[in-house]
Amino acid sequence: MSSDQWYSNRSQVFWTCKALLDGRTISHMTETREVRGWRLGAIVHRLKSEYG
């Protein structure tokens, strides 16, 4: 898998990064409601493994 390929689109990844950097408590339901995202756990896992 290339490093720029995500299971969720870039706006969902951006939303996740911004929410975490802002210190928000987020959940799958929050992501679904705000950006119609899915696989929040996969996004968080990838961010942690690739960017620490």
PDB file of N, CA and C in Angstrom:
ATOM      1  N   MET A   1       0.848  -1.168   0.000  1.00  0.00           N
ATOM      2  CA  MET A   1       0.000   0.000   0.000  1.00  0.00           C
ATOM      3  C   MET A   1       0.896   1.234   0.000  1.00  0.00           C
ATOM      4  N   SER A   2       0.594   2.203  -0.836  1.00  0.00           N
ATOM      5  CA  SER A   2       1.412   3.409  -0.873  1.00  0.00           C
ATOM      6  C   SER A   2       1.146   4.263   0.365  1.00  0.00           C
ATOM      7  N   SER A   3       2.107   5.102   0.698  1.00  0.00           N
ATOM      8  CA  SER A   3       1.995   5.884   1.925  1.00  0.00           C
ATOM      9  C   SER A   3       0.911   6.943   1.847  1.00  0.00           C
ATOM     10  N   ASP A   4       0.439   7.286   0.640  1.00  0.00           N
ATOM     11  CA  ASP A   4      -0.604   8.296   0.535  1.00  0.00           C
ATOM     12  C   ASP A   4      -1.997   7.698   0.336  1.00  0.00           C
ATOM     13  N   GLN A   5      -2.130   6.386   0.461  1.00  0.00           N
ATOM     14  CA  GLN A   5      -3.425   5.735   0.305  1.00  0.00           C
ATOM     15  C   GLN A   5      -4.032   5.495   1.682  1.00  0.00           C
ATOM     16  N   TRP A   6      -5.271   5.909   1.866  1.00  0.00           N
ATOM     17  CA  TRP A   6      -5.960   5.780   3.144  1.00  0.00           C
ATOM     18  C   TRP A   6      -7.264   5.026   2.930  1.00  0.00           C
ATOM     19  N   TYR A   7      -7.739   4.373   3.969  1.00  0.00           N
ATOM     20  CA  TYR A   7      -9.036   3.709   3.886  1.00  0.00           C
ATOM     21  C   TYR A   7     -10.177   4.712   3.991  1.00  0.00           C
ATOM     22  N   SER A   8      -9.926   5.868   4.526  1.00  0.00           N
ATOM     23  CA  SER A   8     -10.905   6.944   4.586  1.00  0.00           C
ATOM     24  C   SER A   8     -10.347   8.103   3.778  1.00  0.00           C
ATOM     25  N   ASN A   9     -11.229   8.970   3.314  1.00  0.00           N
ATOM     26  CA  ASN A   9     -10.729  10.044   2.461  1.00  0.00           C
ATOM     27  C   ASN A   9      -9.941  11.075   3.257  1.00  0.00           C
ATOM     28  N   ARG A  10      -9.250  11.935   2.554  1.00  0.00           N
ATOM     29  CA  ARG A  10      -8.336  12.885   3.195  1.00  0.00           C
ATOM     30  C   ARG A  10      -9.045  13.824   4.161  1.00  0.00           C
ATOM     31  N   SER A  11     -10.282  14.208   3.880  1.00  0.00           N
ATOM     32  CA  SER A  11     -10.971  15.109   4.808  1.00  0.00           C
ATOM     33  C   SER A  11     -11.245  14.413   6.140  1.00  0.00           C
ATOM     34  N   GLN A  12     -11.503  13.114   6.128  1.00  0.00           N
ATOM     35  CA  GLN A  12     -11.712  12.371   7.366  1.00  0.00           C
ATOM     36  C   GLN A  12     -10.403  12.235   8.140  1.00  0.00           C
ATOM     37  N   VAL A  13      -9.313  12.024   7.436  1.00  0.00           N
ATOM     38  CA  VAL A  13      -8.006  11.925   8.078  1.00  0.00           C
ATOM     39  C   VAL A  13      -7.635  13.278   8.674  1.00  0.00           C
ATOM     40  N   PHE A  14      -7.844  14.347   7.920  1.00  0.00           N
ATOM     41  CA  PHE A  14      -7.565  15.688   8.420  1.00  0.00           C
ATOM     42  C   PHE A  14      -8.397  15.977   9.667  1.00  0.00           C
ATOM     43  N   TRP A  15      -9.688  15.641   9.616  1.00  0.00           N
ATOM     44  CA  TRP A  15     -10.574  15.866  10.756  1.00  0.00           C
ATOM     45  C   TRP A  15     -10.044  15.131  11.986  1.00  0.00           C
ATOM     46  N   THR A  16      -9.628  13.891  11.818  1.00  0.00           N
ATOM     47  CA  THR A  16      -9.111  13.109  12.937  1.00  0.00           C
ATOM     48  C   THR A  16      -7.863  13.762  13.522  1.00  0.00           C
ATOM     49  N   CYS A  17      -6.929  14.135  12.665  1.00  0.00           N
ATOM     50  CA  CYS A  17      -5.704  14.793  13.142  1.00  0.00           C
ATOM     51  C   CYS A  17      -6.037  16.075  13.896  1.00  0.00           C
ATOM     52  N   LYS A  18      -6.876  16.904  13.314  1.00  0.00           N
ATOM     53  CA  LYS A  18      -7.212  18.179  13.937  1.00  0.00           C
ATOM     54  C   LYS A  18      -7.917  17.969  15.268  1.00  0.00           C
ATOM     55  N   ALA A  19      -8.861  17.048  15.308  1.00  0.00           N
ATOM     56  CA  ALA A  19      -9.586  16.788  16.553  1.00  0.00           C
ATOM     57  C   ALA A  19      -8.641  16.325  17.657  1.00  0.00           C
ATOM     58  N   LEU A  20      -7.719  15.441  17.329  1.00  0.00           N
ATOM     59  CA  LEU A  20      -6.773  14.951  18.331  1.00  0.00           C
ATOM     60  C   LEU A  20      -5.811  16.051  18.767  1.00  0.00           C
ATOM     61  N   LEU A  21      -5.315  16.836  17.820  1.00  0.00           N
ATOM     62  CA  LEU A  21      -4.408  17.936  18.174  1.00  0.00           C
ATOM     63  C   LEU A  21      -5.111  19.010  18.994  1.00  0.00           C
ATOM     64  N   ASP A  22      -6.410  19.176  18.781  1.00  0.00           N
ATOM     65  CA  ASP A  22      -7.200  20.136  19.558  1.00  0.00           C
ATOM     66  C   ASP A  22      -7.547  19.610  20.946  1.00  0.00           C
ATOM     67  N   GLY A  23      -7.185  18.340  21.223  1.00  0.00           N
ATOM     68  CA  GLY A  23      -7.451  17.752  22.532  1.00  0.00           C
ATOM     69  C   GLY A  23      -8.880  17.265  22.715  1.00  0.00           C
ATOM     70  N   ARG A  24      -9.595  17.095  21.622  1.00  0.00           N
ATOM     71  CA  ARG A  24     -10.973  16.630  21.696  1.00  0.00           C
ATOM     72  C   ARG A  24     -11.029  15.145  22.035  1.00  0.00           C
ATOM     73  N   THR A  25     -12.085  14.750  22.718  1.00  0.00           N
ATOM     74  CA  THR A  25     -12.399  13.343  22.897  1.00  0.00           C
ATOM     75  C   THR A  25     -13.312  12.975  21.746  1.00  0.00           C
ATOM     76  N   ILE A  26     -12.870  12.039  20.909  1.00  0.00           N
ATOM     77  CA  ILE A  26     -13.655  11.677  19.731  1.00  0.00           C
ATOM     78  C   ILE A  26     -14.027  10.205  19.786  1.00  0.00           C
ATOM     79  N   SER A  27     -15.048   9.865  19.036  1.00  0.00           N
ATOM     80  CA  SER A  27     -15.499   8.482  18.935  1.00  0.00           C
ATOM     81  C   SER A  27     -15.918   8.226  17.495  1.00  0.00           C
ATOM     82  N   HIS A  28     -16.186   6.982  17.204  1.00  0.00           N
ATOM     83  CA  HIS A  28     -16.666   6.627  15.869  1.00  0.00           C
ATOM     84  C   HIS A  28     -17.958   7.386  15.568  1.00  0.00           C
ATOM     85  N   MET A  29     -18.826   7.505  16.545  1.00  0.00           N
ATOM     86  CA  MET A  29     -20.097   8.214  16.335  1.00  0.00           C
ATOM     87  C   MET A  29     -19.864   9.697  16.044  1.00  0.00           C
ATOM     88  N   THR A  30     -18.891  10.308  16.718  1.00  0.00           N
ATOM     89  CA  THR A  30     -18.575  11.711  16.463  1.00  0.00           C
ATOM     90  C   THR A  30     -18.082  11.877  15.029  1.00  0.00           C
ATOM     91  N   GLU A  31     -17.190  10.997  14.606  1.00  0.00           N
ATOM     92  CA  GLU A  31     -16.671  11.062  13.245  1.00  0.00           C
ATOM     93  C   GLU A  31     -17.788  10.860  12.221  1.00  0.00           C
ATOM     94  N   THR A  32     -18.640   9.889  12.460  1.00  0.00           N
ATOM     95  CA  THR A  32     -19.750   9.630  11.548  1.00  0.00           C
ATOM     96  C   THR A  32     -20.641  10.854  11.426  1.00  0.00           C
ATOM     97  N   ARG A  33     -20.939  11.469  12.546  1.00  0.00           N
ATOM     98  CA  ARG A  33     -21.835  12.633  12.571  1.00  0.00           C
ATOM     99  C   ARG A  33     -21.204  13.855  11.894  1.00  0.00           C
ATOM    100  N   GLU A  34     -19.926  14.096  12.137  1.00  0.00           N
ATOM    101  CA  GLU A  34     -19.304  15.326  11.660  1.00  0.00           C
ATOM    102  C   GLU A  34     -18.730  15.245  10.250  1.00  0.00           C
ATOM    103  N   VAL A  35     -18.184  14.109   9.858  1.00  0.00           N
ATOM    104  CA  VAL A  35     -17.568  14.014   8.523  1.00  0.00           C
ATOM    105  C   VAL A  35     -17.985  12.761   7.755  1.00  0.00           C
ATOM    106  N   ARG A  36     -18.999  12.063   8.266  1.00  0.00           N
ATOM    107  CA  ARG A  36     -19.468  10.831   7.613  1.00  0.00           C
ATOM    108  C   ARG A  36     -18.334   9.840   7.408  1.00  0.00           C
ATOM    109  N   GLY A  37     -17.458   9.785   8.409  1.00  0.00           N
ATOM    110  CA  GLY A  37     -16.299   8.912   8.330  1.00  0.00           C
ATOM    111  C   GLY A  37     -16.601   7.501   8.780  1.00  0.00           C
ATOM    112  N   TRP A  38     -15.622   6.656   8.591  1.00  0.00           N
ATOM    113  CA  TRP A  38     -15.703   5.283   9.061  1.00  0.00           C
ATOM    114  C   TRP A  38     -14.281   4.805   9.311  1.00  0.00           C
ATOM    115  N   ARG A  39     -14.155   3.760  10.091  1.00  0.00           N
ATOM    116  CA  ARG A  39     -12.859   3.172  10.422  1.00  0.00           C
ATOM    117  C   ARG A  39     -11.955   4.136  11.185  1.00  0.00           C
ATOM    118  N   LEU A  40     -12.518   4.817  12.174  1.00  0.00           N
ATOM    119  CA  LEU A  40     -11.744   5.743  12.995  1.00  0.00           C
ATOM    120  C   LEU A  40     -10.550   5.036  13.628  1.00  0.00           C
ATOM    121  N   GLY A  41     -10.755   3.842  14.104  1.00  0.00           N
ATOM    122  CA  GLY A  41      -9.662   3.083  14.721  1.00  0.00           C
ATOM    123  C   GLY A  41      -8.520   2.843  13.751  1.00  0.00           C
ATOM    124  N   ALA A  42      -8.829   2.583  12.496  1.00  0.00           N
ATOM    125  CA  ALA A  42      -7.792   2.361  11.491  1.00  0.00           C
ATOM    126  C   ALA A  42      -7.017   3.640  11.219  1.00  0.00           C
ATOM    127  N   ILE A  43      -7.703   4.771  11.204  1.00  0.00           N
ATOM    128  CA  ILE A  43      -7.030   6.048  10.996  1.00  0.00           C
ATOM    129  C   ILE A  43      -6.091   6.327  12.164  1.00  0.00           C
ATOM    130  N   VAL A  44      -6.572   6.154  13.377  1.00  0.00           N
ATOM    131  CA  VAL A  44      -5.751   6.406  14.566  1.00  0.00           C
ATOM    132  C   VAL A  44      -4.549   5.470  14.576  1.00  0.00           C
ATOM    133  N   HIS A  45      -4.765   4.204  14.275  1.00  0.00           N
ATOM    134  CA  HIS A  45      -3.660   3.243  14.244  1.00  0.00           C
ATOM    135  C   HIS A  45      -2.599   3.657  13.221  1.00  0.00           C
ATOM    136  N   ARG A  46      -3.053   4.040  12.056  1.00  0.00           N
ATOM    137  CA  ARG A  46      -2.091   4.439  11.015  1.00  0.00           C
ATOM    138  C   ARG A  46      -1.341   5.700  11.424  1.00  0.00           C
ATOM    139  N   LEU A  47      -2.042   6.678  11.974  1.00  0.00           N
ATOM    140  CA  LEU A  47      -1.364   7.896  12.421  1.00  0.00           C
ATOM    141  C   LEU A  47      -0.313   7.581  13.485  1.00  0.00           C
ATOM    142  N   LYS A  48      -0.666   6.695  14.397  1.00  0.00           N
ATOM    143  CA  LYS A  48       0.276   6.330  15.470  1.00  0.00           C
ATOM    144  C   LYS A  48       1.484   5.580  14.900  1.00  0.00           C
ATOM    145  N   SER A  49       1.242   4.629  14.028  1.00  0.00           N
ATOM    146  CA  SER A  49       2.353   3.814  13.528  1.00  0.00           C
ATOM    147  C   SER A  49       3.236   4.575  12.542  1.00  0.00           C
ATOM    148  N   GLU A  50       2.659   5.481  11.765  1.00  0.00           N
ATOM    149  CA  GLU A  50       3.457   6.190  10.766  1.00  0.00           C
ATOM    150  C   GLU A  50       4.038   7.501  11.270  1.00  0.00           C
ATOM    151  N   TYR A  51       3.352   8.140  12.226  1.00  0.00           N
ATOM    152  CA  TYR A  51       3.777   9.474  12.647  1.00  0.00           C
ATOM    153  C   TYR A  51       4.072   9.579  14.144  1.00  0.00           C
ATOM    154  N   GLY A  52       3.803   8.513  14.874  1.00  0.00           N
ATOM    155  CA  GLY A  52       4.085   8.510  16.299  1.00  0.00           C
ATOM    156  C   GLY A  52       3.179   9.428  17.051  1.00  0.00           C
TER     157      GLY A  52
END
